Protein backbone atom coordinates (compact mmCIF):
# COMPACT_ATOMS: atom_id res chain seq x y z
CA MET A 1 42.95 15.95 -56.89
CA SER A 2 41.39 15.51 -53.46
CA LYS A 3 38.34 17.48 -52.47
CA GLN A 4 38.46 19.40 -49.26
CA VAL A 5 35.38 20.21 -47.24
CA LEU A 6 35.64 23.51 -45.45
CA PRO A 7 33.73 23.83 -42.19
CA ILE A 8 31.24 26.67 -41.98
CA VAL A 9 32.43 29.08 -39.35
CA ASP A 10 29.94 30.12 -36.69
CA ALA A 11 29.78 33.90 -37.13
CA ASP A 12 28.10 34.30 -33.75
CA ALA A 13 30.88 32.52 -31.88
CA ALA A 14 32.83 34.65 -29.49
CA CYS A 15 35.73 36.18 -31.31
CA CYS A 16 39.19 35.66 -30.08
CA ALA A 17 41.42 38.52 -28.99
CA PRO A 18 43.49 40.25 -31.65
CA LEU A 19 46.73 38.48 -32.49
CA ALA A 20 48.64 41.39 -30.97
CA CYS A 21 47.07 40.72 -27.54
CA GLU A 22 47.34 37.01 -26.98
CA PRO A 23 48.19 33.88 -28.94
CA LEU A 24 45.37 31.92 -30.51
CA SER A 25 44.44 28.63 -28.96
CA GLU A 26 44.84 25.52 -31.07
CA SER A 27 41.07 25.27 -31.57
CA GLU A 28 40.71 28.96 -32.50
CA ALA A 29 43.49 28.67 -35.06
CA ALA A 30 41.93 25.52 -36.52
CA GLU A 31 38.54 27.24 -36.78
CA LEU A 32 39.86 30.44 -38.36
CA ALA A 33 42.45 28.98 -40.75
CA PRO A 34 39.85 27.94 -43.39
CA LEU A 35 38.64 31.54 -43.61
CA PHE A 36 42.09 32.85 -44.38
CA LYS A 37 42.81 29.93 -46.68
CA ALA A 38 39.65 30.74 -48.64
CA ILE A 39 40.80 34.30 -49.34
CA ALA A 40 44.44 33.36 -49.94
CA ASP A 41 43.72 33.01 -53.65
CA PRO A 42 43.85 36.13 -55.87
CA VAL A 43 40.63 35.24 -57.72
CA ARG A 44 38.70 34.60 -54.51
CA LEU A 45 40.06 37.74 -52.88
CA ARG A 46 38.98 39.76 -55.90
CA LEU A 47 35.55 38.07 -55.96
CA LEU A 48 35.06 38.92 -52.29
CA SER A 49 36.02 42.52 -53.00
CA LEU A 50 33.70 42.78 -56.01
CA ILE A 51 30.78 41.41 -54.00
CA ALA A 52 31.48 43.64 -51.00
CA CYS A 53 31.78 46.80 -53.11
CA HIS A 54 28.77 46.19 -55.31
CA GLU A 55 26.00 48.75 -55.02
CA GLY A 56 23.15 47.40 -52.94
CA GLY A 57 25.34 44.91 -51.09
CA GLU A 58 24.75 42.00 -53.44
CA THR A 59 25.68 41.06 -56.97
CA CYS A 60 24.55 38.69 -59.66
CA VAL A 61 26.91 35.96 -60.73
CA CYS A 62 26.54 37.32 -64.26
CA ASP A 63 28.34 40.49 -63.16
CA LEU A 64 31.09 38.51 -61.49
CA THR A 65 31.88 36.26 -64.44
CA ALA A 66 32.13 39.26 -66.76
CA ALA A 67 34.91 40.71 -64.58
CA PHE A 68 37.29 37.77 -65.17
CA ASP A 69 38.94 36.04 -68.07
CA LEU A 70 37.91 32.69 -66.58
CA THR A 71 35.24 30.15 -67.43
CA PRO A 72 31.93 30.25 -65.53
CA PRO A 73 32.65 26.84 -63.92
CA THR A 74 35.93 28.21 -62.55
CA ILE A 75 34.18 31.26 -61.10
CA SER A 76 31.52 28.96 -59.61
CA HIS A 77 34.21 26.86 -57.97
CA HIS A 78 35.78 29.92 -56.34
CA LEU A 79 32.38 31.19 -55.18
CA LYS A 80 31.66 27.76 -53.71
CA VAL A 81 34.90 27.89 -51.69
CA LEU A 82 34.00 31.35 -50.34
CA LYS A 83 30.49 30.17 -49.49
CA GLN A 84 31.68 26.98 -47.77
CA ALA A 85 33.98 29.09 -45.62
CA GLY A 86 31.00 31.24 -44.62
CA LEU A 87 32.39 34.44 -46.14
CA ILE A 88 29.49 34.87 -48.57
CA ASP A 89 25.96 33.64 -48.96
CA SER A 90 23.72 33.33 -51.99
CA GLU A 91 20.20 32.96 -53.29
CA ARG A 92 18.92 31.72 -56.63
CA ARG A 93 16.47 34.07 -58.31
CA GLY A 94 15.18 32.60 -61.52
CA THR A 95 18.14 31.83 -63.76
CA TRP A 96 20.73 33.76 -61.79
CA VAL A 97 22.38 33.41 -58.39
CA TYR A 98 22.95 36.52 -56.27
CA TYR A 99 25.78 36.76 -53.75
CA TRP A 100 26.39 38.94 -50.72
CA ILE A 101 29.01 39.22 -48.00
CA ASN A 102 28.52 37.72 -44.55
CA PRO A 103 29.47 40.82 -42.52
CA ALA A 104 29.75 39.00 -39.20
CA VAL A 105 32.45 36.67 -40.53
CA LEU A 106 34.41 39.56 -42.06
CA ALA A 107 34.10 41.51 -38.81
CA ARG A 108 35.46 38.52 -36.92
CA MET A 109 38.46 38.28 -39.26
CA SER A 110 39.04 42.03 -39.02
CA ALA A 111 38.94 41.93 -35.24
CA LEU A 112 41.53 39.18 -35.23
CA ILE A 113 44.06 40.92 -37.45
CA GLY A 114 43.23 44.49 -36.49
CA PRO A 115 45.12 46.43 -33.86
CA ALA A 116 44.22 45.61 -30.28
CA SER A 117 44.28 49.21 -29.23
CA PRO A 118 44.94 52.65 -30.71
CA ALA A 119 48.45 52.53 -29.23
CA LEU A 120 49.28 49.44 -31.31
CA ALA A 121 47.91 50.91 -34.51
CA GLY A 122 50.94 53.15 -34.95
CA THR A 123 53.61 50.57 -34.11
CA GLY A 124 55.39 48.50 -36.62
């Protein structure tokens, strides 16, 4: 199995217009695709949700592993993918690692897929 290195997305980069307003450029699509690829896995999507919803805005890896019927190395792999994409960050505190959401990256993704204007929000 080949290993893929995901580029860390610059959260401070100017966000592109919502998809409903104008097409993405080739470079914008190439920069944003790893973010969506990282959350396109049910385990990673659930991990992201568990971290984001945790009281205090961060959670210990011990709480995350307990929520799944998966081995700790598998959970670590999924957390690594989310971190490489820039969706989460972490800090080791003693024996445990604590994770939190990178709100700027999530805001950028939300802006991209969210409605461009209130008028578009009701169409579909």
